[in-house]
Amino acid sequence: MSMHELTQFDEDNLIFLVEIVRQMNARGENPGTSGIYSYRPEKSEGDFFMLSEAGVDKGVFGREHMIGVGEKGEVLPLWQKSGRSTGNETPLHMMIYEETDANCILHSHSLESVWFCDLYPGKDLVEITGLEMLKGISGNESHDVTLHIPIFDNTQDVQSLAESARKTLRHSPGFLIRGHGFTCWGNSVWEAKRHLETFDYLFKYFNGNK
């Protein structure tokens, strides 16, 4: 078990993650305090993570708004204070860390991701192929691949959603929720950012051709 320590490497990554959250806010991807973001610390052995504090305006989001949680999403003593929590989507993040090698997870409420879902009513898996930007997804070395993006119906039962999503993580490092937004991850903050930007490009491409 780790002692819930953060290294300088972690601190640098958390500052970078804060910058990404603010950039997303400037693009309108986390309005009204929405969105949840997380990071797996360097010394974590699956027993603690850093998640964004709920109810914080992402336009003024800072390093102090990343708080430590245990493997079940509970706020750890070092970070506890009255009213502090990480939001309803915490179980999704815990499930992704449990099932993948992710070290960073980003969540976007972008209109592009919502509109993209509207292009495929009734579909739970969308196939994309032939676009050069598919190489932005780790493991893809050519445009001539097929990316499968899962889509789930929105629900306030996040535990149920997490269990449904658990079965699809092999398809891509991201999934969509109808009328809600998009979640993606990477094995570093940089990779998660690249995946977010790549998926956003794909959503914009298809929305522009509808």
N, C-alpha and C. Protein backbone atom coordinates (compact mmCIF):
# COMPACT_ATOMS: atom_id res chain seq x y z
N MET A 1 0.84 -1.20 0.00
CA MET A 1 0.00 0.00 0.00
C MET A 1 0.88 1.26 0.00
N SER A 2 0.50 2.21 -0.81
CA SER A 2 1.24 3.47 -0.81
C SER A 2 0.78 4.32 0.37
N MET A 3 1.50 5.37 0.64
CA MET A 3 1.14 6.29 1.71
C MET A 3 0.41 7.52 1.17
N HIS A 4 -0.19 7.37 -0.01
CA HIS A 4 -0.93 8.47 -0.64
C HIS A 4 -0.03 9.68 -0.86
N GLU A 5 1.19 9.39 -1.30
CA GLU A 5 2.16 10.45 -1.54
C GLU A 5 2.08 10.94 -2.98
N LEU A 6 2.31 12.22 -3.17
CA LEU A 6 2.39 12.81 -4.50
C LEU A 6 3.83 13.22 -4.77
N THR A 7 4.37 12.79 -5.89
CA THR A 7 5.72 13.14 -6.28
C THR A 7 5.72 14.46 -7.05
N GLN A 8 6.91 14.98 -7.34
CA GLN A 8 6.98 16.19 -8.16
C GLN A 8 6.44 15.91 -9.56
N PHE A 9 6.67 14.70 -10.04
CA PHE A 9 6.09 14.29 -11.33
C PHE A 9 4.57 14.41 -11.29
N ASP A 10 3.95 13.96 -10.19
CA ASP A 10 2.51 14.08 -10.03
C ASP A 10 2.07 15.54 -10.02
N GLU A 11 2.78 16.35 -9.26
CA GLU A 11 2.41 17.76 -9.16
C GLU A 11 2.48 18.45 -10.51
N ASP A 12 3.51 18.12 -11.29
CA ASP A 12 3.61 18.70 -12.63
C ASP A 12 2.45 18.26 -13.51
N ASN A 13 2.07 16.99 -13.39
CA ASN A 13 0.95 16.48 -14.17
C ASN A 13 -0.38 17.09 -13.74
N LEU A 14 -0.54 17.31 -12.45
CA LEU A 14 -1.78 17.91 -11.96
C LEU A 14 -1.91 19.36 -12.43
N ILE A 15 -0.81 20.08 -12.46
CA ILE A 15 -0.84 21.45 -12.99
C ILE A 15 -1.20 21.44 -14.47
N PHE A 16 -0.66 20.48 -15.21
CA PHE A 16 -0.98 20.35 -16.63
C PHE A 16 -2.46 20.00 -16.80
N LEU A 17 -2.97 19.10 -15.94
CA LEU A 17 -4.38 18.72 -16.02
C LEU A 17 -5.28 19.92 -15.74
N VAL A 18 -4.92 20.73 -14.77
CA VAL A 18 -5.67 21.95 -14.48
C VAL A 18 -5.71 22.86 -15.71
N GLU A 19 -4.58 22.97 -16.40
CA GLU A 19 -4.53 23.79 -17.62
C GLU A 19 -5.47 23.25 -18.68
N ILE A 20 -5.52 21.92 -18.83
CA ILE A 20 -6.42 21.30 -19.80
C ILE A 20 -7.88 21.59 -19.44
N VAL A 21 -8.22 21.47 -18.17
CA VAL A 21 -9.59 21.74 -17.73
C VAL A 21 -9.99 23.18 -18.06
N ARG A 22 -9.08 24.11 -17.85
CA ARG A 22 -9.38 25.51 -18.18
C ARG A 22 -9.50 25.72 -19.68
N GLN A 23 -8.66 25.03 -20.45
CA GLN A 23 -8.78 25.11 -21.90
C GLN A 23 -10.13 24.58 -22.37
N MET A 24 -10.57 23.48 -21.77
CA MET A 24 -11.87 22.91 -22.11
C MET A 24 -12.99 23.89 -21.77
N ASN A 25 -12.84 24.56 -20.62
CA ASN A 25 -13.85 25.54 -20.24
C ASN A 25 -13.93 26.67 -21.26
N ALA A 26 -12.78 27.10 -21.75
CA ALA A 26 -12.75 28.18 -22.74
C ALA A 26 -13.42 27.76 -24.04
N ARG A 27 -13.43 26.44 -24.32
CA ARG A 27 -14.10 25.93 -25.52
C ARG A 27 -15.57 25.58 -25.27
N GLY A 28 -16.04 25.81 -24.05
CA GLY A 28 -17.43 25.53 -23.73
C GLY A 28 -17.73 24.07 -23.43
N GLU A 29 -16.73 23.29 -23.03
CA GLU A 29 -16.92 21.86 -22.83
C GLU A 29 -17.31 21.48 -21.40
N ASN A 30 -17.24 22.41 -20.46
CA ASN A 30 -17.63 22.09 -19.09
C ASN A 30 -18.35 23.27 -18.44
N PRO A 31 -19.48 23.69 -19.03
CA PRO A 31 -20.21 24.85 -18.51
C PRO A 31 -20.91 24.55 -17.18
N GLY A 32 -21.23 25.59 -16.44
CA GLY A 32 -22.04 25.43 -15.24
C GLY A 32 -21.45 24.50 -14.20
N THR A 33 -20.15 24.51 -14.02
CA THR A 33 -19.39 23.67 -13.06
C THR A 33 -19.38 22.19 -13.43
N SER A 34 -19.81 21.84 -14.66
CA SER A 34 -19.90 20.42 -15.05
C SER A 34 -18.51 19.83 -15.31
N GLY A 35 -18.48 18.52 -15.44
CA GLY A 35 -17.25 17.80 -15.79
C GLY A 35 -16.54 17.24 -14.59
N ILE A 36 -15.90 16.10 -14.80
CA ILE A 36 -15.09 15.46 -13.77
C ILE A 36 -13.81 14.94 -14.43
N TYR A 37 -12.68 15.12 -13.76
CA TYR A 37 -11.37 14.83 -14.33
C TYR A 37 -10.55 14.12 -13.26
N SER A 38 -9.70 13.20 -13.68
CA SER A 38 -8.96 12.45 -12.67
C SER A 38 -7.58 12.04 -13.16
N TYR A 39 -6.77 11.62 -12.18
CA TYR A 39 -5.37 11.29 -12.43
C TYR A 39 -4.95 10.19 -11.45
N ARG A 40 -4.19 9.21 -11.97
CA ARG A 40 -3.64 8.15 -11.12
C ARG A 40 -2.21 8.54 -10.73
N PRO A 41 -1.94 8.80 -9.45
CA PRO A 41 -0.61 9.22 -9.03
C PRO A 41 0.46 8.16 -9.28
N GLU A 42 1.69 8.61 -9.38
CA GLU A 42 2.82 7.75 -9.73
C GLU A 42 2.98 6.59 -8.74
N LYS A 43 2.76 6.85 -7.45
CA LYS A 43 2.96 5.82 -6.43
C LYS A 43 1.68 5.08 -6.07
N SER A 44 0.60 5.38 -6.78
CA SER A 44 -0.66 4.68 -6.49
C SER A 44 -0.54 3.21 -6.87
N GLU A 45 -1.01 2.36 -6.00
CA GLU A 45 -1.08 0.93 -6.27
C GLU A 45 -2.54 0.51 -6.43
N GLY A 46 -3.33 1.43 -6.97
CA GLY A 46 -4.76 1.19 -7.12
C GLY A 46 -5.54 1.55 -5.88
N ASP A 47 -4.87 2.18 -4.90
CA ASP A 47 -5.52 2.50 -3.64
C ASP A 47 -5.89 3.98 -3.51
N PHE A 48 -5.35 4.85 -4.40
CA PHE A 48 -5.78 6.24 -4.34
C PHE A 48 -5.58 6.93 -5.69
N PHE A 49 -6.41 7.95 -5.89
CA PHE A 49 -6.44 8.70 -7.14
C PHE A 49 -6.73 10.16 -6.81
N MET A 50 -6.49 11.03 -7.79
CA MET A 50 -6.82 12.44 -7.64
C MET A 50 -7.97 12.76 -8.58
N LEU A 51 -9.09 13.25 -8.03
CA LEU A 51 -10.26 13.60 -8.83
C LEU A 51 -10.63 15.06 -8.61
N SER A 52 -11.30 15.64 -9.59
CA SER A 52 -11.71 17.04 -9.48
C SER A 52 -12.87 17.20 -8.51
N GLU A 53 -12.82 18.26 -7.75
CA GLU A 53 -13.87 18.57 -6.79
C GLU A 53 -15.13 19.01 -7.52
N ALA A 54 -16.27 18.52 -7.07
CA ALA A 54 -17.55 18.86 -7.69
C ALA A 54 -17.98 20.27 -7.33
N GLY A 55 -18.78 20.88 -8.22
CA GLY A 55 -19.38 22.17 -7.93
C GLY A 55 -18.46 23.36 -8.08
N VAL A 56 -17.32 23.17 -8.75
CA VAL A 56 -16.35 24.26 -8.93
C VAL A 56 -16.43 24.79 -10.35
N ASP A 57 -16.52 26.09 -10.50
CA ASP A 57 -16.50 26.73 -11.82
C ASP A 57 -15.17 26.42 -12.49
N LYS A 58 -15.23 25.75 -13.65
CA LYS A 58 -13.99 25.32 -14.30
C LYS A 58 -13.20 26.47 -14.91
N GLY A 59 -13.82 27.64 -14.97
CA GLY A 59 -13.07 28.80 -15.44
C GLY A 59 -12.07 29.30 -14.42
N VAL A 60 -12.28 28.95 -13.14
CA VAL A 60 -11.35 29.34 -12.08
C VAL A 60 -10.79 28.10 -11.38
N PHE A 61 -10.89 26.97 -12.05
CA PHE A 61 -10.41 25.70 -11.50
C PHE A 61 -8.91 25.77 -11.25
N GLY A 62 -8.48 25.26 -10.08
CA GLY A 62 -7.07 25.30 -9.73
C GLY A 62 -6.57 23.99 -9.16
N ARG A 63 -5.28 23.93 -8.91
CA ARG A 63 -4.66 22.72 -8.36
C ARG A 63 -5.33 22.30 -7.06
N GLU A 64 -5.78 23.28 -6.26
CA GLU A 64 -6.41 22.97 -4.97
C GLU A 64 -7.74 22.25 -5.11
N HIS A 65 -8.27 22.21 -6.33
CA HIS A 65 -9.54 21.54 -6.56
C HIS A 65 -9.37 20.09 -7.02
N MET A 66 -8.15 19.58 -7.03
CA MET A 66 -7.90 18.16 -7.27
C MET A 66 -7.71 17.51 -5.90
N ILE A 67 -8.59 16.56 -5.55
CA ILE A 67 -8.57 15.99 -4.21
C ILE A 67 -8.35 14.48 -4.26
N GLY A 68 -7.76 13.95 -3.21
CA GLY A 68 -7.43 12.54 -3.16
C GLY A 68 -8.60 11.67 -2.72
N VAL A 69 -8.79 10.57 -3.43
CA VAL A 69 -9.85 9.62 -3.07
C VAL A 69 -9.28 8.21 -3.02
N GLY A 70 -9.96 7.34 -2.28
CA GLY A 70 -9.56 5.96 -2.18
C GLY A 70 -10.09 5.14 -3.33
N GLU A 71 -9.85 3.82 -3.27
CA GLU A 71 -10.20 2.95 -4.39
C GLU A 71 -11.69 2.84 -4.63
N LYS A 72 -12.51 3.22 -3.66
CA LYS A 72 -13.97 3.21 -3.84
C LYS A 72 -14.52 4.61 -4.09
N GLY A 73 -13.62 5.58 -4.25
CA GLY A 73 -14.05 6.94 -4.54
C GLY A 73 -14.29 7.80 -3.33
N GLU A 74 -14.00 7.29 -2.14
CA GLU A 74 -14.21 8.06 -0.92
C GLU A 74 -13.08 9.07 -0.73
N VAL A 75 -13.43 10.29 -0.29
CA VAL A 75 -12.41 11.31 -0.06
C VAL A 75 -11.53 10.88 1.10
N LEU A 76 -10.22 10.90 0.89
CA LEU A 76 -9.28 10.46 1.92
C LEU A 76 -9.10 11.54 3.00
N PRO A 77 -8.75 11.14 4.22
CA PRO A 77 -8.68 12.08 5.34
C PRO A 77 -7.88 13.35 5.07
N LEU A 78 -6.76 13.22 4.38
CA LEU A 78 -5.91 14.38 4.14
C LEU A 78 -6.64 15.48 3.37
N TRP A 79 -7.63 15.08 2.55
CA TRP A 79 -8.32 16.04 1.70
C TRP A 79 -9.75 16.35 2.15
N GLN A 80 -10.15 15.78 3.28
CA GLN A 80 -11.53 15.96 3.73
C GLN A 80 -11.77 17.36 4.28
N LYS A 81 -12.92 17.90 3.92
CA LYS A 81 -13.44 19.10 4.56
C LYS A 81 -14.94 19.12 4.28
N SER A 82 -15.68 19.86 5.06
CA SER A 82 -17.13 19.85 4.97
C SER A 82 -17.63 20.15 3.55
N GLY A 83 -18.50 19.27 3.05
CA GLY A 83 -19.14 19.50 1.76
C GLY A 83 -18.30 19.15 0.55
N ARG A 84 -17.11 18.63 0.75
CA ARG A 84 -16.22 18.35 -0.38
C ARG A 84 -16.51 16.97 -0.96
N SER A 85 -16.71 16.90 -2.28
CA SER A 85 -16.97 15.62 -2.94
C SER A 85 -16.44 15.69 -4.37
N THR A 86 -16.49 14.55 -5.05
CA THR A 86 -15.96 14.48 -6.41
C THR A 86 -17.03 14.27 -7.46
N GLY A 87 -18.29 14.28 -7.11
CA GLY A 87 -19.34 14.22 -8.12
C GLY A 87 -19.87 12.82 -8.38
N ASN A 88 -21.03 12.78 -9.04
CA ASN A 88 -21.76 11.53 -9.24
C ASN A 88 -21.06 10.54 -10.17
N GLU A 89 -20.17 11.02 -11.04
CA GLU A 89 -19.57 10.13 -12.03
C GLU A 89 -18.29 9.46 -11.54
N THR A 90 -17.99 9.62 -10.27
CA THR A 90 -16.80 8.99 -9.70
C THR A 90 -16.75 7.48 -9.96
N PRO A 91 -17.87 6.72 -9.82
CA PRO A 91 -17.79 5.28 -10.08
C PRO A 91 -17.31 4.92 -11.48
N LEU A 92 -17.62 5.76 -12.48
CA LEU A 92 -17.13 5.52 -13.83
C LEU A 92 -15.61 5.58 -13.87
N HIS A 93 -15.04 6.57 -13.21
CA HIS A 93 -13.59 6.71 -13.19
C HIS A 93 -12.94 5.55 -12.46
N MET A 94 -13.50 5.16 -11.32
CA MET A 94 -12.95 4.05 -10.57
C MET A 94 -12.96 2.76 -11.39
N MET A 95 -14.04 2.56 -12.15
CA MET A 95 -14.14 1.36 -12.99
C MET A 95 -13.09 1.38 -14.09
N ILE A 96 -12.89 2.52 -14.74
CA ILE A 96 -11.90 2.62 -15.82
C ILE A 96 -10.49 2.35 -15.28
N TYR A 97 -10.16 2.91 -14.13
CA TYR A 97 -8.84 2.65 -13.54
C TYR A 97 -8.68 1.18 -13.16
N GLU A 98 -9.75 0.56 -12.74
CA GLU A 98 -9.70 -0.85 -12.35
C GLU A 98 -9.46 -1.75 -13.56
N GLU A 99 -10.03 -1.37 -14.70
CA GLU A 99 -10.03 -2.25 -15.87
C GLU A 99 -8.95 -1.92 -16.91
N THR A 100 -8.33 -0.75 -16.83
CA THR A 100 -7.37 -0.34 -17.86
C THR A 100 -6.08 0.15 -17.22
N ASP A 101 -5.12 0.50 -18.08
CA ASP A 101 -3.86 1.09 -17.62
C ASP A 101 -3.92 2.61 -17.62
N ALA A 102 -5.12 3.18 -17.65
CA ALA A 102 -5.28 4.64 -17.70
C ALA A 102 -4.59 5.31 -16.52
N ASN A 103 -3.99 6.46 -16.79
CA ASN A 103 -3.43 7.30 -15.74
C ASN A 103 -4.09 8.67 -15.70
N CYS A 104 -4.99 8.93 -16.66
CA CYS A 104 -5.71 10.21 -16.68
C CYS A 104 -7.03 10.00 -17.41
N ILE A 105 -8.12 10.58 -16.89
CA ILE A 105 -9.44 10.48 -17.51
C ILE A 105 -10.03 11.88 -17.63
N LEU A 106 -10.57 12.18 -18.81
CA LEU A 106 -11.18 13.48 -19.08
C LEU A 106 -12.64 13.28 -19.48
N HIS A 107 -13.48 14.23 -19.10
CA HIS A 107 -14.90 14.16 -19.45
C HIS A 107 -15.33 15.49 -20.06
N SER A 108 -15.96 15.42 -21.23
CA SER A 108 -16.38 16.61 -21.96
C SER A 108 -17.89 16.63 -22.14
N HIS A 109 -18.48 17.80 -21.95
CA HIS A 109 -19.90 18.01 -22.25
C HIS A 109 -20.05 18.76 -23.58
N SER A 110 -19.12 18.56 -24.48
CA SER A 110 -19.14 19.30 -25.73
C SER A 110 -20.42 19.04 -26.53
N LEU A 111 -20.93 20.07 -27.16
CA LEU A 111 -22.11 19.91 -28.01
C LEU A 111 -21.82 18.98 -29.17
N GLU A 112 -20.57 18.99 -29.66
CA GLU A 112 -20.22 18.12 -30.78
C GLU A 112 -20.43 16.65 -30.43
N SER A 113 -20.08 16.27 -29.20
CA SER A 113 -20.25 14.87 -28.80
C SER A 113 -21.73 14.52 -28.66
N VAL A 114 -22.54 15.45 -28.18
CA VAL A 114 -23.97 15.21 -28.04
C VAL A 114 -24.63 15.11 -29.41
N TRP A 115 -24.26 16.02 -30.31
CA TRP A 115 -24.82 16.00 -31.67
C TRP A 115 -24.42 14.73 -32.41
N PHE A 116 -23.19 14.28 -32.18
CA PHE A 116 -22.72 13.05 -32.83
C PHE A 116 -23.62 11.88 -32.45
N CYS A 117 -23.97 11.76 -31.18
CA CYS A 117 -24.88 10.69 -30.74
C CYS A 117 -26.22 10.78 -31.46
N ASP A 118 -26.69 12.01 -31.69
CA ASP A 118 -27.98 12.20 -32.35
C ASP A 118 -27.98 11.69 -33.79
N LEU A 119 -26.78 11.56 -34.38
CA LEU A 119 -26.68 11.04 -35.75
C LEU A 119 -26.97 9.54 -35.81
N TYR A 120 -26.89 8.87 -34.65
CA TYR A 120 -27.00 7.41 -34.62
C TYR A 120 -28.04 6.95 -33.60
N PRO A 121 -29.30 7.33 -33.77
CA PRO A 121 -30.34 6.91 -32.82
C PRO A 121 -30.47 5.39 -32.79
N GLY A 122 -30.52 4.83 -31.62
CA GLY A 122 -30.71 3.39 -31.47
C GLY A 122 -29.44 2.57 -31.59
N LYS A 123 -28.32 3.19 -31.97
CA LYS A 123 -27.07 2.43 -32.11
C LYS A 123 -26.28 2.49 -30.81
N ASP A 124 -25.67 1.37 -30.44
CA ASP A 124 -24.84 1.35 -29.24
C ASP A 124 -23.36 1.22 -29.55
N LEU A 125 -23.02 1.17 -30.85
CA LEU A 125 -21.62 1.09 -31.25
C LEU A 125 -21.50 1.70 -32.65
N VAL A 126 -20.66 2.74 -32.79
CA VAL A 126 -20.47 3.41 -34.07
C VAL A 126 -19.09 3.08 -34.61
N GLU A 127 -19.01 2.73 -35.89
CA GLU A 127 -17.74 2.39 -36.52
C GLU A 127 -17.24 3.55 -37.37
N ILE A 128 -15.97 3.89 -37.21
CA ILE A 128 -15.34 4.94 -38.00
C ILE A 128 -14.08 4.38 -38.65
N THR A 129 -13.90 4.64 -39.94
CA THR A 129 -12.71 4.15 -40.63
C THR A 129 -12.32 5.13 -41.73
N GLY A 130 -11.08 5.04 -42.19
CA GLY A 130 -10.63 5.77 -43.36
C GLY A 130 -10.12 7.18 -43.14
N LEU A 131 -10.16 7.69 -41.92
CA LEU A 131 -9.71 9.06 -41.66
C LEU A 131 -8.30 9.06 -41.07
N GLU A 132 -7.46 9.96 -41.58
CA GLU A 132 -6.07 10.05 -41.11
C GLU A 132 -5.99 10.29 -39.61
N MET A 133 -6.94 11.07 -39.05
CA MET A 133 -6.88 11.40 -37.63
C MET A 133 -7.11 10.21 -36.71
N LEU A 134 -7.51 9.07 -37.27
CA LEU A 134 -7.63 7.87 -36.45
C LEU A 134 -6.27 7.47 -35.86
N LYS A 135 -5.19 7.94 -36.50
CA LYS A 135 -3.85 7.66 -35.98
C LYS A 135 -3.58 8.39 -34.68
N GLY A 136 -4.48 9.31 -34.30
CA GLY A 136 -4.35 10.00 -33.01
C GLY A 136 -4.75 9.13 -31.83
N ILE A 137 -5.38 7.98 -32.12
CA ILE A 137 -5.74 7.04 -31.07
C ILE A 137 -4.61 6.03 -30.91
N SER A 138 -4.10 5.87 -29.71
CA SER A 138 -2.96 4.98 -29.46
C SER A 138 -3.21 3.58 -30.00
N GLY A 139 -2.19 3.04 -30.66
CA GLY A 139 -2.29 1.71 -31.24
C GLY A 139 -2.64 1.71 -32.71
N ASN A 140 -3.13 2.84 -33.22
CA ASN A 140 -3.47 2.94 -34.64
C ASN A 140 -2.29 3.51 -35.41
N GLU A 141 -1.83 2.79 -36.41
CA GLU A 141 -0.67 3.23 -37.19
C GLU A 141 -1.06 3.60 -38.62
N SER A 142 -2.33 3.54 -38.92
CA SER A 142 -2.79 3.83 -40.27
C SER A 142 -4.22 4.38 -40.21
N HIS A 143 -4.60 5.06 -41.31
CA HIS A 143 -6.00 5.49 -41.45
C HIS A 143 -6.90 4.30 -41.73
N ASP A 144 -6.28 3.22 -42.19
CA ASP A 144 -7.04 2.05 -42.63
C ASP A 144 -7.32 1.10 -41.46
N VAL A 145 -7.94 1.64 -40.44
CA VAL A 145 -8.36 0.86 -39.28
C VAL A 145 -9.82 1.19 -38.99
N THR A 146 -10.44 0.43 -38.14
CA THR A 146 -11.82 0.71 -37.74
C THR A 146 -11.88 0.96 -36.25
N LEU A 147 -12.36 2.13 -35.89
CA LEU A 147 -12.54 2.50 -34.48
C LEU A 147 -14.00 2.30 -34.12
N HIS A 148 -14.24 1.60 -33.04
CA HIS A 148 -15.60 1.36 -32.55
C HIS A 148 -15.83 2.22 -31.30
N ILE A 149 -16.79 3.14 -31.37
CA ILE A 149 -17.08 4.02 -30.24
C ILE A 149 -18.41 3.62 -29.61
N PRO A 150 -18.40 3.15 -28.35
CA PRO A 150 -19.64 2.79 -27.67
C PRO A 150 -20.49 4.02 -27.34
N ILE A 151 -21.80 3.86 -27.41
CA ILE A 151 -22.75 4.90 -27.01
C ILE A 151 -23.73 4.30 -26.01
N PHE A 152 -23.92 5.00 -24.89
CA PHE A 152 -24.86 4.55 -23.87
C PHE A 152 -25.97 5.58 -23.69
N ASP A 153 -27.14 5.10 -23.29
CA ASP A 153 -28.21 6.01 -22.94
C ASP A 153 -27.89 6.68 -21.62
N ASN A 154 -28.30 7.92 -21.47
CA ASN A 154 -28.05 8.65 -20.23
C ASN A 154 -28.87 8.07 -19.09
N THR A 155 -28.30 8.08 -17.92
CA THR A 155 -28.99 7.59 -16.72
C THR A 155 -28.35 8.22 -15.50
N GLN A 156 -29.14 8.37 -14.43
CA GLN A 156 -28.59 8.84 -13.17
C GLN A 156 -28.08 7.68 -12.32
N ASP A 157 -28.30 6.46 -12.79
CA ASP A 157 -27.78 5.27 -12.11
C ASP A 157 -26.37 5.01 -12.63
N VAL A 158 -25.41 5.72 -12.05
CA VAL A 158 -24.04 5.68 -12.56
C VAL A 158 -23.39 4.32 -12.32
N GLN A 159 -23.75 3.65 -11.25
CA GLN A 159 -23.19 2.32 -11.00
C GLN A 159 -23.58 1.36 -12.12
N SER A 160 -24.84 1.42 -12.54
CA SER A 160 -25.31 0.57 -13.64
C SER A 160 -24.60 0.94 -14.93
N LEU A 161 -24.43 2.24 -15.18
CA LEU A 161 -23.73 2.69 -16.37
C LEU A 161 -22.29 2.20 -16.37
N ALA A 162 -21.65 2.26 -15.21
CA ALA A 162 -20.26 1.80 -15.11
C ALA A 162 -20.14 0.32 -15.45
N GLU A 163 -21.10 -0.47 -14.99
CA GLU A 163 -21.05 -1.91 -15.28
C GLU A 163 -21.30 -2.19 -16.76
N SER A 164 -22.16 -1.40 -17.39
CA SER A 164 -22.39 -1.55 -18.83
C SER A 164 -21.14 -1.15 -19.60
N ALA A 165 -20.52 -0.05 -19.20
CA ALA A 165 -19.33 0.44 -19.90
C ALA A 165 -18.15 -0.50 -19.71
N ARG A 166 -18.09 -1.18 -18.58
CA ARG A 166 -16.99 -2.10 -18.27
C ARG A 166 -16.79 -3.12 -19.39
N LYS A 167 -17.89 -3.54 -20.01
CA LYS A 167 -17.86 -4.59 -21.02
C LYS A 167 -17.37 -4.10 -22.38
N THR A 168 -17.20 -2.77 -22.55
CA THR A 168 -16.89 -2.21 -23.86
C THR A 168 -15.50 -1.57 -23.94
N LEU A 169 -14.74 -1.57 -22.87
CA LEU A 169 -13.49 -0.81 -22.82
C LEU A 169 -12.46 -1.28 -23.83
N ARG A 170 -12.62 -2.50 -24.34
CA ARG A 170 -11.67 -3.01 -25.33
C ARG A 170 -11.83 -2.32 -26.68
N HIS A 171 -12.98 -1.68 -26.91
CA HIS A 171 -13.27 -1.10 -28.22
C HIS A 171 -12.46 0.17 -28.50
N SER A 172 -12.38 1.07 -27.54
CA SER A 172 -11.67 2.34 -27.74
C SER A 172 -11.42 2.97 -26.39
N PRO A 173 -10.48 3.95 -26.33
CA PRO A 173 -10.22 4.63 -25.06
C PRO A 173 -11.21 5.77 -24.83
N GLY A 174 -12.49 5.49 -25.08
CA GLY A 174 -13.50 6.51 -24.87
C GLY A 174 -14.89 5.99 -25.18
N PHE A 175 -15.90 6.63 -24.59
CA PHE A 175 -17.29 6.28 -24.90
C PHE A 175 -18.17 7.51 -24.76
N LEU A 176 -19.35 7.43 -25.38
CA LEU A 176 -20.31 8.53 -25.40
C LEU A 176 -21.53 8.20 -24.55
N ILE A 177 -22.17 9.24 -24.03
CA ILE A 177 -23.45 9.10 -23.34
C ILE A 177 -24.43 10.06 -24.00
N ARG A 178 -25.54 9.52 -24.50
CA ARG A 178 -26.52 10.33 -25.21
C ARG A 178 -27.03 11.49 -24.35
N GLY A 179 -27.12 12.66 -24.99
CA GLY A 179 -27.63 13.82 -24.30
C GLY A 179 -26.77 14.30 -23.16
N HIS A 180 -25.55 13.82 -23.11
CA HIS A 180 -24.68 14.11 -21.96
C HIS A 180 -23.29 14.56 -22.40
N GLY A 181 -22.50 13.64 -22.97
CA GLY A 181 -21.15 14.02 -23.35
C GLY A 181 -20.26 12.83 -23.62
N PHE A 182 -18.97 13.02 -23.36
CA PHE A 182 -17.96 12.06 -23.78
C PHE A 182 -16.90 11.90 -22.70
N THR A 183 -16.47 10.66 -22.50
CA THR A 183 -15.40 10.35 -21.55
C THR A 183 -14.27 9.62 -22.29
N CYS A 184 -13.03 10.04 -22.06
CA CYS A 184 -11.89 9.35 -22.67
C CYS A 184 -10.73 9.31 -21.69
N TRP A 185 -9.72 8.52 -21.99
CA TRP A 185 -8.60 8.34 -21.08
C TRP A 185 -7.32 8.04 -21.85
N GLY A 186 -6.20 8.05 -21.11
CA GLY A 186 -4.91 7.72 -21.70
C GLY A 186 -3.96 7.27 -20.62
N ASN A 187 -2.82 6.73 -21.03
CA ASN A 187 -1.86 6.26 -20.03
C ASN A 187 -0.96 7.38 -19.52
N SER A 188 -1.27 8.61 -19.93
CA SER A 188 -0.62 9.81 -19.41
C SER A 188 -1.59 10.97 -19.62
N VAL A 189 -1.31 12.10 -18.98
CA VAL A 189 -2.16 13.28 -19.20
C VAL A 189 -2.06 13.71 -20.66
N TRP A 190 -0.85 13.64 -21.21
CA TRP A 190 -0.66 14.01 -22.62
C TRP A 190 -1.49 13.12 -23.54
N GLU A 191 -1.48 11.82 -23.29
CA GLU A 191 -2.22 10.91 -24.16
C GLU A 191 -3.73 11.13 -24.02
N ALA A 192 -4.20 11.36 -22.81
CA ALA A 192 -5.63 11.64 -22.63
C ALA A 192 -6.03 12.89 -23.39
N LYS A 193 -5.17 13.92 -23.34
CA LYS A 193 -5.44 15.16 -24.08
C LYS A 193 -5.49 14.90 -25.58
N ARG A 194 -4.54 14.11 -26.08
CA ARG A 194 -4.52 13.79 -27.51
C ARG A 194 -5.77 13.01 -27.91
N HIS A 195 -6.18 12.08 -27.08
CA HIS A 195 -7.40 11.33 -27.39
C HIS A 195 -8.62 12.24 -27.39
N LEU A 196 -8.71 13.14 -26.42
CA LEU A 196 -9.83 14.08 -26.37
C LEU A 196 -9.90 14.90 -27.65
N GLU A 197 -8.77 15.43 -28.10
CA GLU A 197 -8.73 16.26 -29.30
C GLU A 197 -9.02 15.44 -30.56
N THR A 198 -8.55 14.21 -30.59
CA THR A 198 -8.79 13.35 -31.75
C THR A 198 -10.28 13.00 -31.87
N PHE A 199 -10.88 12.58 -30.77
CA PHE A 199 -12.31 12.27 -30.80
C PHE A 199 -13.12 13.51 -31.17
N ASP A 200 -12.75 14.66 -30.64
CA ASP A 200 -13.47 15.89 -30.96
C ASP A 200 -13.42 16.18 -32.46
N TYR A 201 -12.26 15.96 -33.07
CA TYR A 201 -12.12 16.14 -34.51
C TYR A 201 -13.08 15.20 -35.25
N LEU A 202 -13.12 13.94 -34.83
CA LEU A 202 -13.99 12.97 -35.49
C LEU A 202 -15.46 13.36 -35.35
N PHE A 203 -15.87 13.81 -34.16
CA PHE A 203 -17.24 14.25 -33.96
C PHE A 203 -17.58 15.43 -34.88
N LYS A 204 -16.66 16.39 -34.96
CA LYS A 204 -16.89 17.58 -35.80
C LYS A 204 -16.99 17.19 -37.27
N TYR A 205 -16.15 16.25 -37.69
CA TYR A 205 -16.18 15.81 -39.10
C TYR A 205 -17.55 15.26 -39.46
N PHE A 206 -18.06 14.36 -38.65
CA PHE A 206 -19.35 13.75 -38.98
C PHE A 206 -20.52 14.71 -38.77
N ASN A 207 -20.43 15.58 -37.78
CA ASN A 207 -21.48 16.58 -37.61
C ASN A 207 -21.52 17.54 -38.79
N GLY A 208 -20.34 17.83 -39.33
CA GLY A 208 -20.29 18.74 -40.47
C GLY A 208 -20.78 18.13 -41.76
N ASN A 209 -20.90 16.78 -41.77
CA ASN A 209 -21.35 16.10 -42.99
C ASN A 209 -22.76 15.54 -42.87
N LYS A 210 -23.46 15.94 -41.79
CA LYS A 210 -24.82 15.38 -41.62
C LYS A 210 -25.81 16.05 -42.55
